[in-house]
Amino acid sequence: MVGENLLGIPETLLPEETDVLTRYEAGDEPVDLAAQFPASSLVWALLANEAHSEGRTVESYAFARVGYHRGLDALRKAGWRGQGPVPWRHEPNRGFLRSLYALGRAAAAIGEVDEVERIGKFLNDSDPSAREAIEAGN
């Protein structure tokens, strides 16, 4: 029953970001992609992860927060009404879910306890399998 939608709220499926993925797979740097595709939560999640891996916690937090807000904008545009599943299995949702995860990680690093709890709940409510998939490097 894990992950079963008991509320009957439809899943939100974000549109594909073909241009972003094509450019990233061709070797474009996330910082350059952010300038070209500022609405992409995936790009901001990549920047947040890059900053995190280099020990730049505050920058990671800022990048993740932008990705989170850009993701919220995209979700709303896709019909999301503030609740309901945002499944990890749908590849285009992963940028938002990665940004959400990165925001929680950075919030924990700077001691934002309330935000860590709120973001953790949001991530779990979106898709209980997302955290494990992200931590496994998927």
N, C-alpha and C. Protein backbone atom coordinates (compact mmCIF):
# COMPACT_ATOMS: atom_id res chain seq x y z
N MET A 1 0.80 -1.19 0.00
CA MET A 1 0.00 0.00 0.00
C MET A 1 0.85 1.26 0.00
N VAL A 2 2.16 1.15 0.16
CA VAL A 2 3.02 2.33 0.18
C VAL A 2 2.89 3.07 -1.14
N GLY A 3 2.66 4.36 -1.05
CA GLY A 3 2.57 5.18 -2.24
C GLY A 3 1.20 5.18 -2.89
N GLU A 4 0.25 4.40 -2.35
CA GLU A 4 -1.09 4.37 -2.93
C GLU A 4 -1.81 5.67 -2.62
N ASN A 5 -2.47 6.22 -3.61
CA ASN A 5 -3.18 7.49 -3.48
C ASN A 5 -4.56 7.22 -2.89
N LEU A 6 -4.69 7.33 -1.59
CA LEU A 6 -5.95 7.04 -0.91
C LEU A 6 -6.93 8.20 -0.97
N LEU A 7 -6.47 9.39 -1.31
CA LEU A 7 -7.34 10.56 -1.35
C LEU A 7 -8.05 10.72 -2.70
N GLY A 8 -7.61 9.99 -3.68
CA GLY A 8 -8.22 10.12 -4.99
C GLY A 8 -7.81 11.38 -5.74
N ILE A 9 -6.80 12.07 -5.22
CA ILE A 9 -6.31 13.28 -5.88
C ILE A 9 -5.42 12.84 -7.05
N PRO A 10 -5.67 13.36 -8.23
CA PRO A 10 -4.87 12.92 -9.38
C PRO A 10 -3.40 13.31 -9.25
N GLU A 11 -2.56 12.49 -9.85
CA GLU A 11 -1.13 12.79 -9.90
C GLU A 11 -0.90 14.03 -10.76
N THR A 12 0.14 14.76 -10.42
CA THR A 12 0.55 15.88 -11.26
C THR A 12 1.78 15.44 -12.03
N LEU A 13 1.72 15.57 -13.34
CA LEU A 13 2.81 15.17 -14.21
C LEU A 13 3.29 16.40 -14.97
N LEU A 14 4.51 16.80 -14.68
CA LEU A 14 5.08 17.98 -15.34
C LEU A 14 5.47 17.65 -16.78
N PRO A 15 5.50 18.65 -17.65
CA PRO A 15 5.90 18.43 -19.04
C PRO A 15 7.41 18.16 -19.13
N GLU A 16 7.77 17.48 -20.18
CA GLU A 16 9.18 17.18 -20.42
C GLU A 16 9.95 18.46 -20.73
N GLU A 17 11.23 18.44 -20.35
CA GLU A 17 12.12 19.57 -20.63
C GLU A 17 13.18 19.10 -21.64
N THR A 18 12.71 18.80 -22.80
CA THR A 18 13.57 18.22 -23.84
C THR A 18 14.79 19.08 -24.14
N ASP A 19 14.59 20.38 -24.30
CA ASP A 19 15.72 21.26 -24.64
C ASP A 19 16.75 21.28 -23.51
N VAL A 20 16.29 21.33 -22.28
CA VAL A 20 17.20 21.35 -21.13
C VAL A 20 18.01 20.05 -21.09
N LEU A 21 17.33 18.93 -21.20
CA LEU A 21 18.02 17.64 -21.15
C LEU A 21 19.00 17.46 -22.30
N THR A 22 18.59 17.87 -23.48
CA THR A 22 19.47 17.76 -24.65
C THR A 22 20.75 18.56 -24.44
N ARG A 23 20.61 19.79 -23.96
CA ARG A 23 21.77 20.65 -23.74
C ARG A 23 22.65 20.11 -22.62
N TYR A 24 22.02 19.61 -21.54
CA TYR A 24 22.79 19.07 -20.42
C TYR A 24 23.55 17.82 -20.85
N GLU A 25 22.89 16.94 -21.57
CA GLU A 25 23.54 15.71 -22.04
C GLU A 25 24.64 16.02 -23.05
N ALA A 26 24.56 17.17 -23.72
CA ALA A 26 25.59 17.59 -24.68
C ALA A 26 26.78 18.23 -23.97
N GLY A 27 26.67 18.42 -22.64
CA GLY A 27 27.80 18.94 -21.88
C GLY A 27 27.67 20.37 -21.40
N ASP A 28 26.54 21.01 -21.64
CA ASP A 28 26.36 22.37 -21.14
C ASP A 28 26.38 22.36 -19.61
N GLU A 29 26.98 23.37 -19.05
CA GLU A 29 27.09 23.49 -17.59
C GLU A 29 25.77 23.98 -17.00
N PRO A 30 25.42 23.50 -15.80
CA PRO A 30 24.18 23.95 -15.17
C PRO A 30 24.07 25.47 -15.04
N VAL A 31 25.16 26.15 -14.74
CA VAL A 31 25.10 27.60 -14.60
C VAL A 31 24.69 28.27 -15.92
N ASP A 32 25.16 27.74 -17.04
CA ASP A 32 24.79 28.27 -18.34
C ASP A 32 23.33 27.93 -18.67
N LEU A 33 22.92 26.73 -18.28
CA LEU A 33 21.54 26.32 -18.51
C LEU A 33 20.56 27.16 -17.69
N ALA A 34 20.96 27.54 -16.48
CA ALA A 34 20.09 28.37 -15.64
C ALA A 34 19.82 29.71 -16.30
N ALA A 35 20.81 30.24 -16.99
CA ALA A 35 20.63 31.51 -17.69
C ALA A 35 19.71 31.36 -18.90
N GLN A 36 19.74 30.18 -19.52
CA GLN A 36 18.91 29.94 -20.70
C GLN A 36 17.51 29.41 -20.36
N PHE A 37 17.44 28.65 -19.27
CA PHE A 37 16.18 28.01 -18.88
C PHE A 37 15.89 28.26 -17.41
N PRO A 38 15.67 29.51 -17.02
CA PRO A 38 15.51 29.84 -15.60
C PRO A 38 14.27 29.23 -14.95
N ALA A 39 13.31 28.78 -15.72
CA ALA A 39 12.11 28.17 -15.16
C ALA A 39 12.29 26.68 -14.85
N SER A 40 13.42 26.11 -15.22
CA SER A 40 13.65 24.68 -15.02
C SER A 40 14.10 24.37 -13.60
N SER A 41 13.28 23.66 -12.85
CA SER A 41 13.69 23.28 -11.50
C SER A 41 14.83 22.27 -11.54
N LEU A 42 14.92 21.49 -12.61
CA LEU A 42 16.03 20.54 -12.75
C LEU A 42 17.38 21.26 -12.75
N VAL A 43 17.48 22.34 -13.50
CA VAL A 43 18.73 23.09 -13.58
C VAL A 43 19.13 23.61 -12.20
N TRP A 44 18.15 24.14 -11.46
CA TRP A 44 18.45 24.67 -10.13
C TRP A 44 18.83 23.56 -9.16
N ALA A 45 18.22 22.39 -9.32
CA ALA A 45 18.59 21.24 -8.49
C ALA A 45 20.04 20.82 -8.78
N LEU A 46 20.42 20.84 -10.05
CA LEU A 46 21.81 20.51 -10.41
C LEU A 46 22.78 21.50 -9.78
N LEU A 47 22.43 22.78 -9.84
CA LEU A 47 23.28 23.80 -9.22
C LEU A 47 23.35 23.62 -7.71
N ALA A 48 22.23 23.30 -7.08
CA ALA A 48 22.21 23.06 -5.63
C ALA A 48 23.10 21.89 -5.27
N ASN A 49 23.04 20.82 -6.04
CA ASN A 49 23.87 19.65 -5.76
C ASN A 49 25.36 19.95 -5.97
N GLU A 50 25.65 20.70 -7.00
CA GLU A 50 27.04 21.09 -7.27
C GLU A 50 27.58 21.92 -6.10
N ALA A 51 26.82 22.91 -5.67
CA ALA A 51 27.25 23.75 -4.55
C ALA A 51 27.40 22.92 -3.27
N HIS A 52 26.46 22.02 -3.04
CA HIS A 52 26.52 21.16 -1.85
C HIS A 52 27.80 20.31 -1.86
N SER A 53 28.09 19.72 -3.00
CA SER A 53 29.27 18.85 -3.09
C SER A 53 30.58 19.62 -2.91
N GLU A 54 30.54 20.92 -3.13
CA GLU A 54 31.72 21.78 -2.96
C GLU A 54 31.72 22.49 -1.60
N GLY A 55 30.76 22.14 -0.74
CA GLY A 55 30.71 22.73 0.60
C GLY A 55 30.16 24.14 0.66
N ARG A 56 29.50 24.58 -0.38
CA ARG A 56 28.92 25.93 -0.43
C ARG A 56 27.45 25.84 -0.01
N THR A 57 27.24 25.68 1.28
CA THR A 57 25.92 25.40 1.83
C THR A 57 24.90 26.50 1.56
N VAL A 58 25.27 27.73 1.78
CA VAL A 58 24.32 28.84 1.58
C VAL A 58 23.93 28.94 0.11
N GLU A 59 24.89 28.76 -0.78
CA GLU A 59 24.57 28.79 -2.21
C GLU A 59 23.67 27.61 -2.58
N SER A 60 23.96 26.46 -2.00
CA SER A 60 23.12 25.29 -2.25
C SER A 60 21.68 25.57 -1.82
N TYR A 61 21.54 26.17 -0.66
CA TYR A 61 20.21 26.53 -0.15
C TYR A 61 19.51 27.48 -1.12
N ALA A 62 20.22 28.49 -1.57
CA ALA A 62 19.62 29.48 -2.48
C ALA A 62 19.21 28.84 -3.81
N PHE A 63 20.08 28.04 -4.38
CA PHE A 63 19.75 27.37 -5.64
C PHE A 63 18.55 26.45 -5.46
N ALA A 64 18.54 25.68 -4.37
CA ALA A 64 17.44 24.76 -4.12
C ALA A 64 16.12 25.51 -3.92
N ARG A 65 16.18 26.65 -3.25
CA ARG A 65 14.97 27.43 -3.02
C ARG A 65 14.41 27.94 -4.35
N VAL A 66 15.28 28.39 -5.26
CA VAL A 66 14.81 28.83 -6.57
C VAL A 66 14.18 27.64 -7.31
N GLY A 67 14.85 26.48 -7.29
CA GLY A 67 14.30 25.30 -7.95
C GLY A 67 12.96 24.88 -7.38
N TYR A 68 12.83 25.00 -6.08
CA TYR A 68 11.58 24.67 -5.39
C TYR A 68 10.46 25.61 -5.87
N HIS A 69 10.72 26.90 -5.89
CA HIS A 69 9.69 27.84 -6.31
C HIS A 69 9.37 27.73 -7.80
N ARG A 70 10.38 27.49 -8.62
CA ARG A 70 10.13 27.28 -10.04
C ARG A 70 9.30 26.01 -10.24
N GLY A 71 9.59 24.99 -9.42
CA GLY A 71 8.81 23.76 -9.48
C GLY A 71 7.37 23.97 -9.07
N LEU A 72 7.15 24.75 -8.01
CA LEU A 72 5.78 25.06 -7.59
C LEU A 72 5.02 25.76 -8.71
N ASP A 73 5.69 26.70 -9.39
CA ASP A 73 5.07 27.39 -10.52
C ASP A 73 4.66 26.39 -11.60
N ALA A 74 5.58 25.47 -11.92
CA ALA A 74 5.30 24.47 -12.96
C ALA A 74 4.17 23.53 -12.53
N LEU A 75 4.18 23.13 -11.28
CA LEU A 75 3.12 22.25 -10.78
C LEU A 75 1.76 22.92 -10.90
N ARG A 76 1.69 24.16 -10.47
CA ARG A 76 0.42 24.89 -10.55
C ARG A 76 -0.05 25.01 -12.01
N LYS A 77 0.88 25.29 -12.88
CA LYS A 77 0.56 25.41 -14.31
C LYS A 77 0.04 24.08 -14.86
N ALA A 78 0.52 22.97 -14.27
CA ALA A 78 0.11 21.63 -14.70
C ALA A 78 -1.18 21.17 -14.01
N GLY A 79 -1.79 22.03 -13.20
CA GLY A 79 -3.07 21.70 -12.59
C GLY A 79 -3.03 21.31 -11.13
N TRP A 80 -1.86 21.31 -10.53
CA TRP A 80 -1.72 20.95 -9.12
C TRP A 80 -2.41 22.00 -8.27
N ARG A 81 -3.12 21.56 -7.24
CA ARG A 81 -3.88 22.45 -6.38
C ARG A 81 -3.36 22.47 -4.94
N GLY A 82 -2.09 22.24 -4.77
CA GLY A 82 -1.49 22.33 -3.43
C GLY A 82 -1.41 21.03 -2.68
N GLN A 83 -1.87 19.96 -3.29
CA GLN A 83 -1.76 18.64 -2.66
C GLN A 83 -1.86 17.57 -3.73
N GLY A 84 -1.46 16.39 -3.33
CA GLY A 84 -1.56 15.26 -4.25
C GLY A 84 -0.19 14.78 -4.71
N PRO A 85 -0.18 13.60 -5.30
CA PRO A 85 1.06 12.96 -5.71
C PRO A 85 1.79 13.70 -6.84
N VAL A 86 3.11 13.70 -6.71
CA VAL A 86 4.01 14.19 -7.75
C VAL A 86 5.02 13.05 -7.91
N PRO A 87 4.67 12.04 -8.71
CA PRO A 87 5.43 10.80 -8.73
C PRO A 87 6.85 10.90 -9.30
N TRP A 88 7.78 10.27 -8.58
CA TRP A 88 9.18 10.18 -9.00
C TRP A 88 9.31 9.42 -10.31
N ARG A 89 8.49 8.41 -10.53
CA ARG A 89 8.61 7.58 -11.72
C ARG A 89 8.42 8.39 -13.01
N HIS A 90 7.76 9.53 -12.92
CA HIS A 90 7.59 10.42 -14.08
C HIS A 90 8.81 11.34 -14.15
N GLU A 91 9.70 11.04 -15.05
CA GLU A 91 11.01 11.71 -15.16
C GLU A 91 10.95 13.24 -15.06
N PRO A 92 10.02 13.92 -15.75
CA PRO A 92 9.99 15.38 -15.66
C PRO A 92 9.69 15.93 -14.26
N ASN A 93 9.14 15.12 -13.37
CA ASN A 93 8.90 15.57 -11.99
C ASN A 93 10.17 15.58 -11.16
N ARG A 94 11.20 14.93 -11.61
CA ARG A 94 12.40 14.73 -10.79
C ARG A 94 13.16 16.01 -10.49
N GLY A 95 13.12 16.99 -11.38
CA GLY A 95 13.79 18.26 -11.09
C GLY A 95 13.19 18.92 -9.87
N PHE A 96 11.85 18.96 -9.82
CA PHE A 96 11.18 19.53 -8.65
C PHE A 96 11.50 18.72 -7.40
N LEU A 97 11.38 17.39 -7.48
CA LEU A 97 11.62 16.55 -6.31
C LEU A 97 13.08 16.65 -5.84
N ARG A 98 14.00 16.74 -6.77
CA ARG A 98 15.42 16.93 -6.41
C ARG A 98 15.64 18.29 -5.74
N SER A 99 14.97 19.31 -6.24
CA SER A 99 15.08 20.64 -5.62
C SER A 99 14.51 20.61 -4.21
N LEU A 100 13.40 19.94 -4.03
CA LEU A 100 12.78 19.82 -2.73
C LEU A 100 13.71 19.09 -1.76
N TYR A 101 14.30 18.00 -2.21
CA TYR A 101 15.26 17.26 -1.40
C TYR A 101 16.46 18.13 -1.04
N ALA A 102 17.01 18.82 -2.04
CA ALA A 102 18.18 19.67 -1.82
C ALA A 102 17.87 20.80 -0.85
N LEU A 103 16.67 21.33 -0.92
CA LEU A 103 16.27 22.39 0.00
C LEU A 103 16.23 21.87 1.43
N GLY A 104 15.68 20.69 1.62
CA GLY A 104 15.66 20.10 2.96
C GLY A 104 17.05 19.83 3.48
N ARG A 105 17.91 19.32 2.63
CA ARG A 105 19.30 19.02 3.02
C ARG A 105 20.04 20.30 3.43
N ALA A 106 19.90 21.34 2.63
CA ALA A 106 20.58 22.61 2.93
C ALA A 106 19.97 23.28 4.16
N ALA A 107 18.65 23.18 4.31
CA ALA A 107 17.99 23.75 5.49
C ALA A 107 18.51 23.07 6.76
N ALA A 108 18.71 21.77 6.69
CA ALA A 108 19.26 21.05 7.84
C ALA A 108 20.67 21.54 8.15
N ALA A 109 21.44 21.79 7.12
CA ALA A 109 22.83 22.23 7.32
C ALA A 109 22.93 23.61 7.95
N ILE A 110 21.91 24.45 7.75
CA ILE A 110 21.96 25.79 8.35
C ILE A 110 21.06 25.90 9.58
N GLY A 111 20.49 24.78 10.01
CA GLY A 111 19.73 24.77 11.25
C GLY A 111 18.29 25.25 11.16
N GLU A 112 17.70 25.20 9.98
CA GLU A 112 16.30 25.60 9.78
C GLU A 112 15.38 24.42 10.09
N VAL A 113 15.23 24.10 11.37
CA VAL A 113 14.53 22.90 11.81
C VAL A 113 13.09 22.84 11.28
N ASP A 114 12.35 23.92 11.43
CA ASP A 114 10.96 23.92 10.97
C ASP A 114 10.86 23.66 9.47
N GLU A 115 11.77 24.26 8.72
CA GLU A 115 11.75 24.05 7.27
C GLU A 115 12.11 22.61 6.91
N VAL A 116 13.05 22.04 7.63
CA VAL A 116 13.43 20.65 7.37
C VAL A 116 12.21 19.74 7.53
N GLU A 117 11.45 19.95 8.59
CA GLU A 117 10.26 19.13 8.83
C GLU A 117 9.20 19.35 7.74
N ARG A 118 8.96 20.59 7.40
CA ARG A 118 7.95 20.93 6.39
C ARG A 118 8.34 20.36 5.02
N ILE A 119 9.59 20.52 4.65
CA ILE A 119 10.07 20.03 3.35
C ILE A 119 10.06 18.51 3.32
N GLY A 120 10.46 17.89 4.43
CA GLY A 120 10.45 16.42 4.50
C GLY A 120 9.05 15.86 4.32
N LYS A 121 8.08 16.50 4.94
CA LYS A 121 6.68 16.07 4.80
C LYS A 121 6.21 16.27 3.37
N PHE A 122 6.54 17.40 2.78
CA PHE A 122 6.15 17.70 1.40
C PHE A 122 6.75 16.66 0.45
N LEU A 123 8.02 16.34 0.62
CA LEU A 123 8.66 15.35 -0.24
C LEU A 123 7.99 14.00 -0.08
N ASN A 124 7.74 13.60 1.14
CA ASN A 124 7.09 12.31 1.38
C ASN A 124 5.66 12.28 0.83
N ASP A 125 4.93 13.38 1.01
CA ASP A 125 3.57 13.45 0.49
C ASP A 125 3.55 13.44 -1.04
N SER A 126 4.59 14.00 -1.65
CA SER A 126 4.68 14.02 -3.11
C SER A 126 4.91 12.62 -3.65
N ASP A 127 5.88 11.94 -3.07
CA ASP A 127 6.17 10.55 -3.45
C ASP A 127 7.07 9.94 -2.39
N PRO A 128 6.56 8.99 -1.61
CA PRO A 128 7.35 8.37 -0.55
C PRO A 128 8.63 7.67 -1.04
N SER A 129 8.71 7.36 -2.32
CA SER A 129 9.90 6.68 -2.84
C SER A 129 10.97 7.65 -3.32
N ALA A 130 10.67 8.95 -3.40
CA ALA A 130 11.60 9.92 -3.98
C ALA A 130 12.88 10.05 -3.18
N ARG A 131 12.79 10.18 -1.86
CA ARG A 131 13.99 10.37 -1.03
C ARG A 131 14.98 9.22 -1.23
N GLU A 132 14.49 8.01 -1.16
CA GLU A 132 15.37 6.85 -1.33
C GLU A 132 16.01 6.83 -2.71
N ALA A 133 15.23 7.15 -3.74
CA ALA A 133 15.76 7.17 -5.11
C ALA A 133 16.85 8.24 -5.26
N ILE A 134 16.61 9.41 -4.70
CA ILE A 134 17.59 10.49 -4.78
C ILE A 134 18.86 10.12 -4.04
N GLU A 135 18.70 9.59 -2.84
CA GLU A 135 19.87 9.21 -2.04
C GLU A 135 20.64 8.07 -2.66
N ALA A 136 19.96 7.24 -3.46
CA ALA A 136 20.63 6.15 -4.15
C ALA A 136 21.33 6.61 -5.44
N GLY A 137 21.16 7.90 -5.75
CA GLY A 137 21.84 8.46 -6.93
C GLY A 137 21.09 8.26 -8.22
N ASN A 138 19.82 7.98 -8.12
CA ASN A 138 19.00 7.79 -9.34
C ASN A 138 18.52 9.11 -9.89
